[in-house]
C-alpha atoms as a PDB file:
ATOM      1  CA  MET A   1      50.500 -57.136 -39.218  1.00  0.00           C
ATOM      2  CA  ARG A   2      50.569 -55.532 -35.793  1.00  0.00           C
ATOM      3  CA  PRO A   3      52.163 -57.666 -33.065  1.00  0.00           C
ATOM      4  CA  THR A   4      49.808 -59.718 -30.948  1.00  0.00           C
ATOM      5  CA  ALA A   5      49.699 -59.269 -27.190  1.00  0.00           C
ATOM      6  CA  PRO A   6      51.468 -62.629 -26.502  1.00  0.00           C
ATOM      7  CA  ARG A   7      54.284 -61.670 -28.885  1.00  0.00           C
ATOM      8  CA  ILE A   8      54.758 -58.313 -27.171  1.00  0.00           C
ATOM      9  CA  LEU A   9      54.915 -60.045 -23.793  1.00  0.00           C
ATOM     10  CA  LEU A  10      57.432 -62.568 -25.114  1.00  0.00           C
ATOM     11  CA  LEU A  11      59.479 -59.765 -26.632  1.00  0.00           C
ATOM     12  CA  ALA A  12      59.477 -57.820 -23.383  1.00  0.00           C
ATOM     13  CA  PHE A  13      60.395 -60.912 -21.349  1.00  0.00           C
ATOM     14  CA  SER A  14      63.351 -61.815 -23.565  1.00  0.00           C
ATOM     15  CA  TRP A  15      64.523 -58.202 -23.497  1.00  0.00           C
ATOM     16  CA  LEU A  16      64.226 -57.721 -19.746  1.00  0.00           C
ATOM     17  CA  SER A  17      65.705 -61.101 -18.900  1.00  0.00           C
ATOM     18  CA  THR A  18      69.074 -59.861 -20.165  1.00  0.00           C
ATOM     19  CA  ALA A  19      69.178 -57.073 -17.561  1.00  0.00           C
ATOM     20  CA  PRO A  20      71.283 -57.759 -14.445  1.00  0.00           C
ATOM     21  CA  ALA A  21      69.527 -57.298 -11.120  1.00  0.00           C
ATOM     22  CA  CYS A  22      72.123 -54.778  -9.984  1.00  0.00           C
ATOM     23  CA  ALA A  23      71.780 -51.423 -11.720  1.00  0.00           C
ATOM     24  CA  GLY A  24      75.532 -50.782 -11.596  1.00  0.00           C
ATOM     25  CA  ASP A  25      76.298 -54.039 -13.437  1.00  0.00           C
ATOM     26  CA  ALA A  26      73.636 -53.256 -16.027  1.00  0.00           C
ATOM     27  CA  LEU A  27      75.854 -50.556 -17.557  1.00  0.00           C
ATOM     28  CA  ALA A  28      78.853 -52.797 -18.187  1.00  0.00           C
ATOM     29  CA  SER A  29      79.851 -50.949 -21.370  1.00  0.00           C
ATOM     30  CA  TRP A  30      80.317 -47.719 -19.410  1.00  0.00           C
ATOM     31  CA  HIS A  31      83.495 -46.626 -17.653  1.00  0.00           C
ATOM     32  CA  GLU A  32      83.043 -45.755 -14.018  1.00  0.00           C
ATOM     33  CA  GLY A  33      82.590 -42.011 -13.754  1.00  0.00           C
ATOM     34  CA  LYS A  34      80.240 -39.107 -13.256  1.00  0.00           C
ATOM     35  CA  ALA A  35      77.959 -39.848 -16.228  1.00  0.00           C
ATOM     36  CA  LYS A  36      77.384 -43.506 -15.419  1.00  0.00           C
ATOM     37  CA  GLN A  37      76.910 -42.783 -11.723  1.00  0.00           C
ATOM     38  CA  ALA A  38      74.375 -40.039 -12.448  1.00  0.00           C
ATOM     39  CA  ILE A  39      72.208 -42.436 -14.456  1.00  0.00           C
ATOM     40  CA  VAL A  40      72.466 -45.273 -11.923  1.00  0.00           C
ATOM     41  CA  ASP A  41      71.788 -42.976  -8.961  1.00  0.00           C
ATOM     42  CA  PHE A  42      68.792 -41.337 -10.619  1.00  0.00           C
ATOM     43  CA  VAL A  43      67.213 -44.676 -11.458  1.00  0.00           C
ATOM     44  CA  ARG A  44      67.782 -45.919  -7.927  1.00  0.00           C
ATOM     45  CA  ARG A  45      66.336 -42.771  -6.331  1.00  0.00           C
ATOM     46  CA  THR A  46      63.199 -42.710  -8.437  1.00  0.00           C
ATOM     47  CA  THR A  47      62.420 -46.429  -8.177  1.00  0.00           C
ATOM     48  CA  THR A  48      63.170 -47.176  -4.517  1.00  0.00           C
ATOM     49  CA  PRO A  49      59.883 -47.338  -2.543  1.00  0.00           C
ATOM     50  CA  GLY A  50      59.817 -45.046   0.470  1.00  0.00           C
ATOM     51  CA  GLY A  51      62.538 -42.776  -0.867  1.00  0.00           C
ATOM     52  CA  ARG A  52      62.085 -39.035  -1.075  1.00  0.00           C
ATOM     53  CA  ASP A  53      62.289 -39.060  -4.895  1.00  0.00           C
ATOM     54  CA  PHE A  54      60.266 -42.234  -5.488  1.00  0.00           C
ATOM     55  CA  VAL A  55      58.011 -42.086  -8.561  1.00  0.00           C
ATOM     56  CA  PRO A  56      55.244 -44.668  -9.095  1.00  0.00           C
ATOM     57  CA  PRO A  57      55.735 -46.882 -12.168  1.00  0.00           C
ATOM     58  CA  GLU A  58      52.833 -45.385 -14.111  1.00  0.00           C
ATOM     59  CA  GLU A  59      54.570 -42.002 -14.043  1.00  0.00           C
ATOM     60  CA  ARG A  60      58.076 -43.159 -14.958  1.00  0.00           C
ATOM     61  CA  ILE A  61      58.646 -41.850 -18.477  1.00  0.00           C
ATOM     62  CA  ALA A  62      61.981 -41.730 -20.312  1.00  0.00           C
ATOM     63  CA  VAL A  63      62.415 -40.289 -23.815  1.00  0.00           C
ATOM     64  CA  PHE A  64      65.255 -40.862 -26.253  1.00  0.00           C
ATOM     65  CA  ASP A  65      66.281 -39.299 -29.513  1.00  0.00           C
ATOM     66  CA  PHE A  66      67.305 -41.846 -32.163  1.00  0.00           C
ATOM     67  CA  ASP A  67      69.936 -40.716 -34.684  1.00  0.00           C
ATOM     68  CA  GLY A  68      73.190 -39.885 -32.903  1.00  0.00           C
ATOM     69  CA  THR A  69      71.768 -41.002 -29.541  1.00  0.00           C
ATOM     70  CA  LEU A  70      71.003 -44.674 -30.163  1.00  0.00           C
ATOM     71  CA  THR A  71      72.728 -45.180 -33.519  1.00  0.00           C
ATOM     72  CA  ALA A  72      75.327 -43.621 -35.814  1.00  0.00           C
ATOM     73  CA  GLU A  73      74.119 -40.649 -37.858  1.00  0.00           C
ATOM     74  CA  GLN A  74      77.179 -39.648 -39.896  1.00  0.00           C
ATOM     75  CA  PRO A  75      77.801 -38.949 -42.748  1.00  0.00           C
ATOM     76  CA  VAL A  76      74.020 -38.807 -43.330  1.00  0.00           C
ATOM     77  CA  TYR A  77      71.060 -40.067 -41.328  1.00  0.00           C
ATOM     78  CA  GLY A  78      70.151 -43.709 -41.892  1.00  0.00           C
ATOM     79  CA  GLN A  79      66.728 -42.951 -43.300  1.00  0.00           C
ATOM     80  CA  VAL A  80      68.298 -40.521 -45.802  1.00  0.00           C
ATOM     81  CA  ALA A  81      70.543 -43.327 -47.047  1.00  0.00           C
ATOM     82  CA  PHE A  82      67.572 -45.708 -47.180  1.00  0.00           C
ATOM     83  CA  CYS A  83      65.412 -43.278 -49.148  1.00  0.00           C
ATOM     84  CA  ALA A  84      68.265 -42.527 -51.566  1.00  0.00           C
ATOM     85  CA  ASP A  85      68.687 -46.263 -52.177  1.00  0.00           C
ATOM     86  CA  GLU A  86      64.938 -46.519 -52.842  1.00  0.00           C
ATOM     87  CA  LEU A  87      65.317 -43.900 -55.566  1.00  0.00           C
ATOM     88  CA  ARG A  88      68.211 -45.550 -57.370  1.00  0.00           C
ATOM     89  CA  PRO A  89      67.599 -46.411 -61.029  1.00  0.00           C
ATOM     90  CA  GLY A  90      65.742 -49.700 -61.305  1.00  0.00           C
ATOM     91  CA  GLN A  91      64.013 -49.417 -57.932  1.00  0.00           C
ATOM     92  CA  GLU A  92      60.208 -49.298 -57.909  1.00  0.00           C
ATOM     93  CA  ASN A  93      59.979 -45.749 -56.555  1.00  0.00           C
ATOM     94  CA  GLY A  94      62.764 -44.611 -58.844  1.00  0.00           C
ATOM     95  CA  LYS A  95      60.762 -45.738 -61.859  1.00  0.00           C
ATOM     96  CA  ARG A  96      57.536 -44.234 -60.570  1.00  0.00           C
ATOM     97  CA  PHE A  97      59.009 -40.821 -59.895  1.00  0.00           C
ATOM     98  CA  SER A  98      61.774 -40.747 -62.516  1.00  0.00           C
ATOM     99  CA  PRO A  99      60.384 -37.582 -64.199  1.00  0.00           C
ATOM    100  CA  ASP A 100      60.926 -35.674 -60.939  1.00  0.00           C
ATOM    101  CA  PRO A 101      64.056 -33.465 -61.353  1.00  0.00           C
ATOM    102  CA  LEU A 102      64.951 -33.971 -57.685  1.00  0.00           C
ATOM    103  CA  VAL A 103      65.108 -37.740 -58.211  1.00  0.00           C
ATOM    104  CA  ARG A 104      67.630 -37.323 -60.998  1.00  0.00           C
ATOM    105  CA  ARG A 105      69.683 -34.990 -58.820  1.00  0.00           C
ATOM    106  CA  ILE A 106      69.661 -37.410 -55.889  1.00  0.00           C
ATOM    107  CA  GLN A 107      70.681 -40.278 -58.140  1.00  0.00           C
ATOM    108  CA  ALA A 108      73.719 -38.292 -59.277  1.00  0.00           C
ATOM    109  CA  LEU A 109      74.894 -37.289 -55.781  1.00  0.00           C
ATOM    110  CA  PRO A 110      77.314 -39.342 -53.652  1.00  0.00           C
ATOM    111  CA  LEU A 111      75.896 -40.234 -50.247  1.00  0.00           C
ATOM    112  CA  GLU A 112      77.734 -37.568 -48.259  1.00  0.00           C
ATOM    113  CA  ARG A 113      76.574 -34.834 -50.653  1.00  0.00           C
ATOM    114  CA  LEU A 114      72.939 -35.474 -49.717  1.00  0.00           C
ATOM    115  CA  ASN A 115      73.578 -33.060 -46.839  1.00  0.00           C
ATOM    116  CA  ASP A 116      73.635 -30.332 -49.488  1.00  0.00           C
ATOM    117  CA  LEU A 117      69.903 -30.741 -50.063  1.00  0.00           C
ATOM    118  CA  SER A 118      67.685 -27.988 -48.718  1.00  0.00           C
ATOM    119  CA  TYR A 119      65.146 -28.630 -45.973  1.00  0.00           C
ATOM    120  CA  ALA A 120      62.353 -28.808 -48.541  1.00  0.00           C
ATOM    121  CA  GLU A 121      64.355 -31.140 -50.787  1.00  0.00           C
ATOM    122  CA  THR A 122      65.193 -33.436 -47.868  1.00  0.00           C
ATOM    123  CA  GLY A 123      61.531 -33.665 -46.938  1.00  0.00           C
ATOM    124  CA  ARG A 124      60.746 -34.489 -50.559  1.00  0.00           C
ATOM    125  CA  LEU A 125      63.447 -37.192 -50.558  1.00  0.00           C
ATOM    126  CA  TRP A 126      61.889 -38.800 -47.471  1.00  0.00           C
ATOM    127  CA  ALA A 127      58.445 -38.652 -49.043  1.00  0.00           C
ATOM    128  CA  LEU A 128      59.498 -40.137 -52.375  1.00  0.00           C
ATOM    129  CA  GLY A 129      61.601 -42.857 -50.778  1.00  0.00           C
ATOM    130  CA  MET A 130      58.915 -44.147 -48.413  1.00  0.00           C
ATOM    131  CA  SER A 131      55.625 -43.386 -50.121  1.00  0.00           C
ATOM    132  CA  GLY A 132      53.250 -45.443 -52.200  1.00  0.00           C
ATOM    133  CA  ALA A 133      53.025 -48.394 -49.839  1.00  0.00           C
ATOM    134  CA  SER A 134      51.183 -49.651 -46.797  1.00  0.00           C
ATOM    135  CA  ALA A 135      52.717 -49.755 -43.326  1.00  0.00           C
ATOM    136  CA  ASP A 136      53.535 -53.474 -43.676  1.00  0.00           C
ATOM    137  CA  ALA A 137      55.230 -52.953 -47.022  1.00  0.00           C
ATOM    138  CA  VAL A 138      57.296 -50.038 -45.721  1.00  0.00           C
ATOM    139  CA  ARG A 139      58.368 -52.007 -42.664  1.00  0.00           C
ATOM    140  CA  GLY A 140      59.424 -54.963 -44.800  1.00  0.00           C
ATOM    141  CA  LYS A 141      61.604 -52.764 -47.010  1.00  0.00           C
ATOM    142  CA  VAL A 142      63.243 -51.011 -44.075  1.00  0.00           C
ATOM    143  CA  ARG A 143      63.982 -54.277 -42.229  1.00  0.00           C
ATOM    144  CA  ARG A 144      65.632 -55.864 -45.255  1.00  0.00           C
ATOM    145  CA  TRP A 145      67.709 -52.758 -45.836  1.00  0.00           C
ATOM    146  CA  PHE A 146      68.671 -52.341 -42.172  1.00  0.00           C
ATOM    147  CA  VAL A 147      70.330 -55.762 -41.934  1.00  0.00           C
ATOM    148  CA  SER A 148      71.995 -55.654 -45.348  1.00  0.00           C
ATOM    149  CA  ALA A 149      73.007 -52.054 -46.134  1.00  0.00           C
ATOM    150  CA  GLU A 150      76.639 -51.401 -45.258  1.00  0.00           C
ATOM    151  CA  HIS A 151      77.708 -48.074 -43.763  1.00  0.00           C
ATOM    152  CA  PRO A 152      79.983 -46.289 -46.289  1.00  0.00           C
ATOM    153  CA  THR A 153      82.931 -45.774 -43.909  1.00  0.00           C
ATOM    154  CA  LEU A 154      82.362 -47.948 -40.836  1.00  0.00           C
ATOM    155  CA  ARG A 155      81.820 -51.029 -43.021  1.00  0.00           C
ATOM    156  CA  LYS A 156      79.170 -52.546 -40.799  1.00  0.00           C
ATOM    157  CA  PRO A 157      75.500 -53.214 -41.519  1.00  0.00           C
ATOM    158  CA  ARG A 158      73.154 -50.680 -39.975  1.00  0.00           C
ATOM    159  CA  SER A 159      71.884 -53.346 -37.578  1.00  0.00           C
ATOM    160  CA  ALA A 160      75.396 -53.475 -36.037  1.00  0.00           C
ATOM    161  CA  LEU A 161      75.675 -49.702 -35.590  1.00  0.00           C
ATOM    162  CA  LEU A 162      73.573 -49.326 -32.457  1.00  0.00           C
ATOM    163  CA  TYR A 163      75.302 -47.991 -29.354  1.00  0.00           C
ATOM    164  CA  GLU A 164      75.700 -50.799 -26.840  1.00  0.00           C
ATOM    165  CA  PRO A 165      75.996 -48.406 -23.850  1.00  0.00           C
ATOM    166  CA  MET A 166      72.638 -46.862 -24.766  1.00  0.00           C
ATOM    167  CA  LEU A 167      71.009 -50.251 -25.320  1.00  0.00           C
ATOM    168  CA  GLU A 168      72.097 -51.037 -21.758  1.00  0.00           C
ATOM    169  CA  VAL A 169      70.406 -47.868 -20.520  1.00  0.00           C
ATOM    170  CA  LEU A 170      67.193 -48.842 -22.300  1.00  0.00           C
ATOM    171  CA  ARG A 171      67.252 -52.285 -20.690  1.00  0.00           C
ATOM    172  CA  LEU A 172      68.040 -50.864 -17.264  1.00  0.00           C
ATOM    173  CA  LEU A 173      65.152 -48.403 -17.378  1.00  0.00           C
ATOM    174  CA  GLN A 174      62.662 -50.979 -18.605  1.00  0.00           C
ATOM    175  CA  SER A 175      63.749 -53.427 -15.919  1.00  0.00           C
ATOM    176  CA  ARG A 176      62.998 -50.734 -13.306  1.00  0.00           C
ATOM    177  CA  GLY A 177      59.502 -49.970 -14.529  1.00  0.00           C
ATOM    178  CA  PHE A 178      60.145 -47.032 -16.869  1.00  0.00           C
ATOM    179  CA  ARG A 179      58.101 -46.655 -20.022  1.00  0.00           C
ATOM    180  CA  VAL A 180      60.542 -45.760 -22.776  1.00  0.00           C
ATOM    181  CA  PHE A 181      59.617 -43.664 -25.813  1.00  0.00           C
ATOM    182  CA  ILE A 182      61.715 -42.675 -28.818  1.00  0.00           C
ATOM    183  CA  VAL A 183      60.998 -39.095 -29.865  1.00  0.00           C
ATOM    184  CA  THR A 184      62.798 -38.283 -33.082  1.00  0.00           C
ATOM    185  CA  GLY A 185      62.937 -36.325 -36.294  1.00  0.00           C
ATOM    186  CA  THR A 186      63.309 -39.664 -38.062  1.00  0.00           C
ATOM    187  CA  LEU A 187      60.176 -40.781 -39.890  1.00  0.00           C
ATOM    188  CA  SER A 188      58.090 -42.929 -37.582  1.00  0.00           C
ATOM    189  CA  ASP A 189      57.485 -45.456 -40.393  1.00  0.00           C
ATOM    190  CA  TYR A 190      61.237 -46.047 -40.698  1.00  0.00           C
ATOM    191  CA  LEU A 191      61.881 -46.425 -36.983  1.00  0.00           C
ATOM    192  CA  ARG A 192      58.789 -48.502 -36.182  1.00  0.00           C
ATOM    193  CA  ALA A 193      60.135 -51.118 -38.567  1.00  0.00           C
ATOM    194  CA  ILE A 194      63.097 -51.820 -36.273  1.00  0.00           C
ATOM    195  CA  SER A 195      62.198 -50.461 -32.841  1.00  0.00           C
ATOM    196  CA  GLU A 196      60.888 -53.678 -31.272  1.00  0.00           C
ATOM    197  CA  ARG A 197      63.432 -56.119 -32.632  1.00  0.00           C
ATOM    198  CA  CYS A 198      66.512 -53.884 -32.365  1.00  0.00           C
ATOM    199  CA  LEU A 199      65.753 -51.603 -29.415  1.00  0.00           C
ATOM    200  CA  GLY A 200      63.135 -53.448 -27.385  1.00  0.00           C
ATOM    201  CA  VAL A 201      60.793 -50.465 -27.741  1.00  0.00           C
ATOM    202  CA  PRO A 202      57.206 -51.163 -28.921  1.00  0.00           C
ATOM    203  CA  MET A 203      56.398 -49.477 -32.200  1.00  0.00           C
ATOM    204  CA  GLU A 204      53.530 -47.587 -30.570  1.00  0.00           C
ATOM    205  CA  ASN A 205      56.151 -45.899 -28.361  1.00  0.00           C
ATOM    206  CA  VAL A 206      57.827 -44.324 -31.391  1.00  0.00           C
ATOM    207  CA  ILE A 207      56.996 -40.655 -31.889  1.00  0.00           C
ATOM    208  CA  GLY A 208      58.527 -39.405 -35.128  1.00  0.00           C
ATOM    209  CA  SER A 209      58.088 -37.266 -38.189  1.00  0.00           C
ATOM    210  CA  GLN A 210      55.302 -38.142 -40.595  1.00  0.00           C
ATOM    211  CA  LEU A 211      54.416 -38.502 -44.225  1.00  0.00           C
ATOM    212  CA  ARG A 212      50.945 -37.500 -45.261  1.00  0.00           C
ATOM    213  CA  ARG A 213      48.597 -40.465 -45.437  1.00  0.00           C
ATOM    214  CA  ARG A 214      45.572 -41.434 -47.511  1.00  0.00           C
ATOM    215  CA  TRP A 215      42.654 -43.794 -46.796  1.00  0.00           C
ATOM    216  CA  SER A 216      40.341 -44.428 -49.728  1.00  0.00           C
ATOM    217  CA  GLY A 217      38.076 -46.926 -48.004  1.00  0.00           C
ATOM    218  CA  GLN A 218      38.454 -49.142 -51.081  1.00  0.00           C
ATOM    219  CA  PRO A 219      40.244 -52.504 -51.499  1.00  0.00           C
ATOM    220  CA  PRO A 220      42.890 -53.413 -50.462  1.00  0.00           C
ATOM    221  CA  HIS A 221      41.841 -51.278 -47.484  1.00  0.00           C
ATOM    222  CA  GLU A 222      45.330 -50.047 -46.629  1.00  0.00           C
ATOM    223  CA  VAL A 223      46.466 -46.646 -45.392  1.00  0.00           C
ATOM    224  CA  GLU A 224      48.870 -45.446 -48.076  1.00  0.00           C
ATOM    225  CA  ARG A 225      51.832 -43.130 -47.602  1.00  0.00           C
ATOM    226  CA  GLU A 226      51.587 -40.140 -49.898  1.00  0.00           C
ATOM    227  CA  PRO A 227      54.655 -38.651 -51.650  1.00  0.00           C
ATOM    228  CA  GLU A 228      54.376 -35.536 -49.492  1.00  0.00           C
ATOM    229  CA  PHE A 229      56.203 -34.772 -46.270  1.00  0.00           C
ATOM    230  CA  GLY A 230      53.999 -33.872 -43.306  1.00  0.00           C
ATOM    231  CA  ASP A 231      55.282 -32.855 -39.889  1.00  0.00           C
ATOM    232  CA  LEU A 232      58.876 -32.707 -38.610  1.00  0.00           C
ATOM    233  CA  VAL A 233      59.330 -33.669 -34.962  1.00  0.00           C
ATOM    234  CA  ASN A 234      62.351 -31.710 -33.809  1.00  0.00           C
ATOM    235  CA  GLY A 235      63.150 -28.999 -31.273  1.00  0.00           C
ATOM    236  CA  ALA A 236      60.026 -27.629 -29.609  1.00  0.00           C
ATOM    237  CA  ALA A 237      57.888 -29.999 -31.687  1.00  0.00           C
ATOM    238  CA  LYS A 238      59.317 -32.883 -29.648  1.00  0.00           C
ATOM    239  CA  VAL A 239      57.904 -31.384 -26.457  1.00  0.00           C
ATOM    240  CA  LEU A 240      54.533 -30.757 -28.073  1.00  0.00           C
ATOM    241  CA  GLU A 241      54.343 -34.334 -29.333  1.00  0.00           C
ATOM    242  CA  ILE A 242      55.326 -35.706 -25.909  1.00  0.00           C
ATOM    243  CA  ASP A 243      52.485 -33.720 -24.376  1.00  0.00           C
ATOM    244  CA  ARG A 244      50.041 -34.789 -27.088  1.00  0.00           C
ATOM    245  CA  ARG A 245      50.981 -38.462 -27.310  1.00  0.00           C
ATOM    246  CA  ILE A 246      52.062 -39.280 -23.745  1.00  0.00           C
ATOM    247  CA  GLY A 247      50.465 -36.600 -21.594  1.00  0.00           C
ATOM    248  CA  LEU A 248      53.126 -36.786 -18.873  1.00  0.00           C
ATOM    249  CA  ARG A 249      56.342 -34.855 -18.355  1.00  0.00           C
ATOM    250  CA  PRO A 250      59.277 -37.245 -18.805  1.00  0.00           C
ATOM    251  CA  LEU A 251      61.661 -37.820 -15.899  1.00  0.00           C
ATOM    252  CA  MET A 252      64.629 -38.570 -18.155  1.00  0.00           C
ATOM    253  CA  ALA A 253      65.573 -37.315 -21.611  1.00  0.00           C
ATOM    254  CA  PHE A 254      68.510 -38.478 -23.744  1.00  0.00           C
ATOM    255  CA  GLY A 255      69.735 -36.692 -26.849  1.00  0.00           C
ATOM    256  CA  ASN A 256      72.852 -35.639 -28.724  1.00  0.00           C
ATOM    257  CA  SER A 257      72.095 -32.435 -30.607  1.00  0.00           C
ATOM    258  CA  ASP A 258      70.580 -28.987 -30.260  1.00  0.00           C
ATOM    259  CA  GLY A 259      67.365 -30.439 -31.683  1.00  0.00           C
ATOM    260  CA  ASP A 260      66.954 -32.296 -28.372  1.00  0.00           C
ATOM    261  CA  LEU A 261      67.426 -29.368 -25.981  1.00  0.00           C
ATOM    262  CA  ASP A 262      63.736 -28.564 -25.586  1.00  0.00           C
ATOM    263  CA  MET A 263      63.090 -32.175 -24.649  1.00  0.00           C
ATOM    264  CA  LEU A 264      65.868 -32.114 -22.029  1.00  0.00           C
ATOM    265  CA  THR A 265      64.549 -28.815 -20.680  1.00  0.00           C
ATOM    266  CA  GLN A 266      61.080 -30.316 -20.301  1.00  0.00           C
ATOM    267  CA  ALA A 267      62.434 -33.300 -18.360  1.00  0.00           C
ATOM    268  CA  THR A 268      64.590 -31.269 -15.992  1.00  0.00           C
ATOM    269  CA  SER A 269      62.330 -28.311 -15.184  1.00  0.00           C
ATOM    270  CA  GLY A 270      59.377 -30.048 -13.571  1.00  0.00           C
ATOM    271  CA  PRO A 271      58.335 -30.280  -9.923  1.00  0.00           C
ATOM    272  CA  ARG A 272      60.122 -33.626  -9.583  1.00  0.00           C
ATOM    273  CA  PRO A 273      63.817 -34.364 -10.083  1.00  0.00           C
ATOM    274  CA  GLY A 274      64.707 -34.925 -13.724  1.00  0.00           C
ATOM    275  CA  LEU A 275      67.788 -36.064 -15.616  1.00  0.00           C
ATOM    276  CA  GLY A 276      68.987 -34.754 -18.961  1.00  0.00           C
ATOM    277  CA  VAL A 277      71.765 -36.558 -20.865  1.00  0.00           C
ATOM    278  CA  LEU A 278      73.597 -35.466 -24.006  1.00  0.00           C
ATOM    279  CA  VAL A 279      75.854 -37.857 -25.930  1.00  0.00           C
ATOM    280  CA  ARG A 280      78.912 -36.041 -27.279  1.00  0.00           C
ATOM    281  CA  HIS A 281      80.570 -37.503 -30.350  1.00  0.00           C
ATOM    282  CA  ASP A 282      84.266 -37.028 -29.640  1.00  0.00           C
ATOM    283  CA  ASP A 283      85.701 -40.409 -30.643  1.00  0.00           C
ATOM    284  CA  ALA A 284      87.166 -40.234 -34.141  1.00  0.00           C
ATOM    285  CA  ALA A 285      88.978 -43.553 -33.672  1.00  0.00           C
ATOM    286  CA  ARG A 286      85.905 -45.680 -32.952  1.00  0.00           C
ATOM    287  CA  GLU A 287      83.165 -43.572 -34.529  1.00  0.00           C
ATOM    288  CA  PHE A 288      83.236 -39.848 -35.438  1.00  0.00           C
ATOM    289  CA  ALA A 289      84.221 -36.583 -33.789  1.00  0.00           C
ATOM    290  CA  TYR A 290      81.855 -33.642 -34.365  1.00  0.00           C
ATOM    291  CA  ASP A 291      79.815 -31.091 -32.470  1.00  0.00           C
ATOM    292  CA  ARG A 292      79.295 -27.366 -33.121  1.00  0.00           C
ATOM    293  CA  ALA A 293      79.810 -27.058 -36.881  1.00  0.00           C
ATOM    294  CA  SER A 294      78.490 -30.402 -38.085  1.00  0.00           C
ATOM    295  CA  PRO A 295      75.865 -30.419 -40.873  1.00  0.00           C
ATOM    296  CA  VAL A 296      74.427 -33.536 -39.175  1.00  0.00           C
ATOM    297  CA  GLY A 297      73.578 -33.653 -35.478  1.00  0.00           C
ATOM    298  CA  ALA A 298      75.207 -30.369 -34.497  1.00  0.00           C
ATOM    299  CA  LEU A 299      75.718 -29.862 -30.756  1.00  0.00           C
ATOM    300  CA  ASP A 300      76.399 -26.162 -30.200  1.00  0.00           C
ATOM    301  CA  GLN A 301      74.087 -24.535 -27.670  1.00  0.00           C
ATOM    302  CA  GLY A 302      73.951 -27.799 -25.769  1.00  0.00           C
ATOM    303  CA  LEU A 303      77.656 -27.637 -24.990  1.00  0.00           C
ATOM    304  CA  ASP A 304      77.135 -24.241 -23.369  1.00  0.00           C
ATOM    305  CA  LEU A 305      73.915 -25.131 -21.552  1.00  0.00           C
ATOM    306  CA  ALA A 306      74.843 -28.540 -20.154  1.00  0.00           C
ATOM    307  CA  GLY A 307      76.814 -27.210 -17.185  1.00  0.00           C
ATOM    308  CA  PRO A 308      74.443 -24.433 -16.068  1.00  0.00           C
ATOM    309  CA  ARG A 309      71.397 -26.695 -16.409  1.00  0.00           C
ATOM    310  CA  GLY A 310      72.927 -29.702 -14.706  1.00  0.00           C
ATOM    311  CA  TRP A 311      72.708 -31.980 -17.741  1.00  0.00           C
ATOM    312  CA  GLN A 312      75.113 -34.890 -18.046  1.00  0.00           C
ATOM    313  CA  LEU A 313      77.476 -34.536 -21.015  1.00  0.00           C
ATOM    314  CA  VAL A 314      78.535 -38.062 -21.979  1.00  0.00           C
ATOM    315  CA  SER A 315      81.894 -38.366 -23.731  1.00  0.00           C
ATOM    316  CA  MET A 316      81.807 -41.270 -26.149  1.00  0.00           C
ATOM    317  CA  LYS A 317      85.608 -41.418 -25.941  1.00  0.00           C
ATOM    318  CA  LYS A 318      85.968 -41.304 -22.154  1.00  0.00           C
ATOM    319  CA  ASP A 319      82.699 -42.727 -20.805  1.00  0.00           C
ATOM    320  CA  TRP A 320      82.106 -45.723 -23.086  1.00  0.00           C
ATOM    321  CA  ARG A 321      84.195 -48.899 -22.834  1.00  0.00           C
ATOM    322  CA  ALA A 322      82.593 -50.173 -26.038  1.00  0.00           C
ATOM    323  CA  VAL A 323      80.624 -48.420 -28.744  1.00  0.00           C
ATOM    324  CA  TRP A 324      78.882 -50.897 -30.985  1.00  0.00           C
ATOM    325  CA  GLY A 325      76.012 -53.258 -30.341  1.00  0.00           C
ATOM    326  CA  ASN A 326      73.712 -55.331 -32.537  1.00  0.00           C
ATOM    327  CA  CYS A 327      69.958 -55.590 -32.775  1.00  0.00           C
ATOM    328  CA  ALA A 328      68.938 -56.751 -29.331  1.00  0.00           C
ATOM    329  CA  HIS A 329      67.350 -60.097 -30.222  1.00  0.00           C
ATOM    330  CA  THR A 330      69.679 -61.522 -32.835  1.00  0.00           C
ATOM    331  CA  ASP A 331      73.171 -62.829 -33.370  1.00  0.00           C
ATOM    332  CA  SER A 332      73.078 -62.831 -37.148  1.00  0.00           C
ATOM    333  CA  LYS A 333      71.483 -61.178 -40.133  1.00  0.00           C
ATOM    334  CA  ALA A 334      69.736 -64.430 -40.956  1.00  0.00           C
ATOM    335  CA  THR A 335      67.686 -64.601 -37.779  1.00  0.00           C
ATOM    336  CA  VAL A 336      66.972 -60.939 -37.042  1.00  0.00           C
ATOM    337  CA  TRP A 337      63.441 -60.911 -38.444  1.00  0.00           C
ATOM    338  CA  THR A 338      62.345 -64.513 -37.938  1.00  0.00           C
ATOM    339  CA  ALA A 339      59.622 -63.432 -35.437  1.00  0.00           C
ATOM    340  CA  TYR A 340      57.822 -61.293 -38.003  1.00  0.00           C
END
């Protein structure tokens, strides 16, 4: 069931009430430095009435990537792990599609080897793992998995692998009148299941990749997800979807990989000031260290373009006091979905 208007208002109020009045204090998980100051200064400039760079609230748009920007993405993306679990022997989808040779191959691969799948095979994995159900059914499966599935090396549930410094940025922007959107290659069905409760972002503000859908017009009158991958939202497709779904050039764009560079370019090349931010994973002790050669979330061209284009390159190791945060509205697995 889609959230009612009162529930959205209550959700927004509880989310925004955690944000300190002072923008500098709002980023408590950040070390003082160039990256933090750039974010705080940009927000102040664009939201202070009478200032040269003031932007009215209806035009304040910020866009965020998801995997690697708001949550851990190594050794494989979260939705890849979810879909692989859905195809394990004994699972409903595993039984339904067991004759598919790709299913048998996926079942035999360890998690980290799923990166060996081709683009077409990965799309097929996503489709098989999340198809055959209505939106409500998909969301229920993802939510249960998100609070219970343990990361293979970090040994935390996925709901505890959100980046606290980035959650603080989300809260800061929303408290200053920005509309926040998540624009991601992740399937929108997967992310919409958790976006409100864990990120404070309404599910309608999620712009992601898609499965093909089917509406028969017959009982039970549900839109079903077909076992066929549709459109990938990555690279230039992110910009096209922003234009199609939002219709305004974003003022701020946050990413972590070369798949986000078009989105950062869009935000920082308009007639108004813009801010582009790239999260660099360089903290092997607390998370992972990877960039140019990674099979997941590679940051190659971005490292070379950040300086010339004036983008902020955030060092996870040097700029973040803390890394991990939980779903925004819960203190335990038991209570995370009580509002649904």
